[in-house]
C-alpha atoms as a PDB file:
ATOM      1  CA  MET A   1      14.289  51.085  12.453  1.00  0.00           C
ATOM      2  CA  VAL A   2      11.310  48.906  12.765  1.00  0.00           C
ATOM      3  CA  LEU A   3       8.529  49.028   9.741  1.00  0.00           C
ATOM      4  CA  SER A   4       5.735  46.586  10.049  1.00  0.00           C
ATOM      5  CA  LEU A   5       4.208  44.664   6.907  1.00  0.00           C
ATOM      6  CA  LYS A   6       0.836  46.725   7.684  1.00  0.00           C
ATOM      7  CA  GLN A   7       2.734  50.029   7.364  1.00  0.00           C
ATOM      8  CA  LEU A   8       4.448  48.893   3.942  1.00  0.00           C
ATOM      9  CA  ARG A   9       0.974  48.053   2.696  1.00  0.00           C
ATOM     10  CA  TYR A  10      -0.340  51.460   3.569  1.00  0.00           C
ATOM     11  CA  ALA A  11       2.529  53.102   1.752  1.00  0.00           C
ATOM     12  CA  LEU A  12       2.132  50.747  -1.329  1.00  0.00           C
ATOM     13  CA  ALA A  13      -1.565  51.864  -1.259  1.00  0.00           C
ATOM     14  CA  ILE A  14      -0.665  55.544  -1.390  1.00  0.00           C
ATOM     15  CA  ALA A  15       1.742  54.965  -4.269  1.00  0.00           C
ATOM     16  CA  GLU A  16      -0.676  52.842  -6.191  1.00  0.00           C
ATOM     17  CA  THR A  17      -3.574  55.358  -5.905  1.00  0.00           C
ATOM     18  CA  GLY A  18      -1.702  58.573  -5.708  1.00  0.00           C
ATOM     19  CA  HIS A  19      -4.155  59.633  -2.983  1.00  0.00           C
ATOM     20  CA  PHE A  20      -4.153  59.449   0.642  1.00  0.00           C
ATOM     21  CA  GLY A  21      -7.942  59.136   0.996  1.00  0.00           C
ATOM     22  CA  ARG A  22      -8.632  56.624  -1.462  1.00  0.00           C
ATOM     23  CA  ALA A  23      -5.455  54.512   0.020  1.00  0.00           C
ATOM     24  CA  ALA A  24      -7.203  54.838   3.484  1.00  0.00           C
ATOM     25  CA  VAL A  25     -10.587  53.264   1.774  1.00  0.00           C
ATOM     26  CA  LEU A  26      -8.577  50.487   0.401  1.00  0.00           C
ATOM     27  CA  CYS A  27      -6.800  49.808   3.672  1.00  0.00           C
ATOM     28  CA  HIS A  28      -9.785  49.952   5.838  1.00  0.00           C
ATOM     29  CA  ILE A  29      -8.267  52.676   7.955  1.00  0.00           C
ATOM     30  CA  SER A  30      -8.902  56.344   8.394  1.00  0.00           C
ATOM     31  CA  GLN A  31      -7.205  58.986   6.331  1.00  0.00           C
ATOM     32  CA  PRO A  32      -5.717  60.589   9.567  1.00  0.00           C
ATOM     33  CA  ALA A  33      -4.491  57.362  10.838  1.00  0.00           C
ATOM     34  CA  LEU A  34      -3.083  56.448   7.559  1.00  0.00           C
ATOM     35  CA  SER A  35      -1.301  59.947   7.364  1.00  0.00           C
ATOM     36  CA  GLN A  36       0.134  59.347  10.961  1.00  0.00           C
ATOM     37  CA  GLN A  37       1.666  55.892  10.051  1.00  0.00           C
ATOM     38  CA  ILE A  38       3.118  57.235   6.864  1.00  0.00           C
ATOM     39  CA  GLN A  39       4.738  60.222   8.869  1.00  0.00           C
ATOM     40  CA  SER A  40       5.962  57.651  11.278  1.00  0.00           C
ATOM     41  CA  MET A  41       7.810  55.845   8.435  1.00  0.00           C
ATOM     42  CA  GLU A  42       9.339  58.958   6.992  1.00  0.00           C
ATOM     43  CA  ALA A  43      10.634  59.866  10.260  1.00  0.00           C
ATOM     44  CA  GLN A  44      12.199  56.237  10.564  1.00  0.00           C
ATOM     45  CA  CYS A  45      13.724  56.766   7.247  1.00  0.00           C
ATOM     46  CA  GLY A  46      14.750  60.413   7.897  1.00  0.00           C
ATOM     47  CA  THR A  47      13.331  61.442   4.288  1.00  0.00           C
ATOM     48  CA  PRO A  48      10.036  61.690   2.695  1.00  0.00           C
ATOM     49  CA  LEU A  49       8.725  58.992   0.688  1.00  0.00           C
ATOM     50  CA  PHE A  50       5.934  61.161  -0.948  1.00  0.00           C
ATOM     51  CA  ASP A  51       5.784  64.709  -2.286  1.00  0.00           C
ATOM     52  CA  ARG A  52       2.815  66.247  -1.339  1.00  0.00           C
ATOM     53  CA  LEU A  53       1.787  68.926  -4.151  1.00  0.00           C
ATOM     54  CA  GLY A  54      -1.570  70.207  -3.080  1.00  0.00           C
ATOM     55  CA  ARG A  55      -3.834  67.497  -4.184  1.00  0.00           C
ATOM     56  CA  THR A  56      -1.378  65.490  -6.080  1.00  0.00           C
ATOM     57  CA  ILE A  57       0.947  62.869  -4.570  1.00  0.00           C
ATOM     58  CA  GLN A  58       4.122  61.894  -6.076  1.00  0.00           C
ATOM     59  CA  LEU A  59       6.761  59.647  -4.653  1.00  0.00           C
ATOM     60  CA  THR A  60      10.311  61.072  -4.241  1.00  0.00           C
ATOM     61  CA  PRO A  61      13.245  59.382  -5.808  1.00  0.00           C
ATOM     62  CA  PHE A  62      14.094  57.765  -2.250  1.00  0.00           C
ATOM     63  CA  GLY A  63      10.187  56.852  -2.271  1.00  0.00           C
ATOM     64  CA  ARG A  64      10.285  55.175  -5.678  1.00  0.00           C
ATOM     65  CA  GLU A  65      13.278  52.960  -4.402  1.00  0.00           C
ATOM     66  CA  PHE A  66      11.771  52.232  -1.022  1.00  0.00           C
ATOM     67  CA  MET A  67       8.539  51.162  -2.918  1.00  0.00           C
ATOM     68  CA  GLU A  68      10.221  48.716  -5.251  1.00  0.00           C
ATOM     69  CA  ARG A  69      11.822  47.012  -2.130  1.00  0.00           C
ATOM     70  CA  ALA A  70       8.661  47.145  -0.020  1.00  0.00           C
ATOM     71  CA  ARG A  71       6.838  45.253  -3.122  1.00  0.00           C
ATOM     72  CA  ARG A  72       9.568  42.583  -2.789  1.00  0.00           C
ATOM     73  CA  VAL A  73       8.903  42.343   0.673  1.00  0.00           C
ATOM     74  CA  LEU A  74       5.523  42.255   0.602  1.00  0.00           C
ATOM     75  CA  ASP A  75       5.508  39.757  -2.288  1.00  0.00           C
ATOM     76  CA  ASN A  76       7.577  37.379  -0.248  1.00  0.00           C
ATOM     77  CA  ALA A  77       5.673  37.685   2.989  1.00  0.00           C
ATOM     78  CA  ASP A  78       2.435  36.842   0.903  1.00  0.00           C
ATOM     79  CA  ALA A  79       4.182  33.808  -0.589  1.00  0.00           C
ATOM     80  CA  LEU A  80       5.205  32.767   3.038  1.00  0.00           C
ATOM     81  CA  GLU A  81       1.742  33.044   4.021  1.00  0.00           C
ATOM     82  CA  ALA A  82       0.619  31.078   1.459  1.00  0.00           C
ATOM     83  CA  PHE A  83       2.950  28.487   1.934  1.00  0.00           C
ATOM     84  CA  THR A  84       2.172  28.093   5.470  1.00  0.00           C
ATOM     85  CA  ALA A  85      -1.511  27.977   4.654  1.00  0.00           C
ATOM     86  CA  GLY A  86      -0.961  25.130   2.434  1.00  0.00           C
ATOM     87  CA  GLN A  87       1.130  23.255   5.161  1.00  0.00           C
ATOM     88  CA  SER A  88      -1.847  23.377   7.501  1.00  0.00           C
ATOM     89  CA  GLY A  89      -2.171  19.820   9.511  1.00  0.00           C
ATOM     90  CA  THR A  90       1.408  18.722   8.155  1.00  0.00           C
ATOM     91  CA  PRO A  91       4.170  17.951  10.480  1.00  0.00           C
ATOM     92  CA  CYS A  92       6.964  20.344  10.547  1.00  0.00           C
ATOM     93  CA  THR A  93      10.311  18.417   9.259  1.00  0.00           C
ATOM     94  CA  LEU A  94      12.523  21.344   8.995  1.00  0.00           C
ATOM     95  CA  PHE A  95      14.528  20.214  12.338  1.00  0.00           C
ATOM     96  CA  ALA A  96      15.193  16.680  13.245  1.00  0.00           C
ATOM     97  CA  LEU A  97      14.778  15.868  17.028  1.00  0.00           C
ATOM     98  CA  GLY A  98      17.448  14.112  19.073  1.00  0.00           C
END
């Protein structure tokens, strides 16, 4: 299974807004494209992340656990990005040469 950080951000936006359309606006993507990405994620997971109840969207039990884990992944990715941005111009000393 390969999920991108972008897909995780899309799913989190839906979970936070409770609405595909509002999440699409936040993510600067069309609603059909957002729906397609979520369907792809759900296919990879083998189970729905969201219960689509007419105009209402709710996380499934699997979706709740998935979102908790996705939040941690995204928080760590954001922290790594901030760390690397702070190191701009600083030589990398992780590995000693020769």
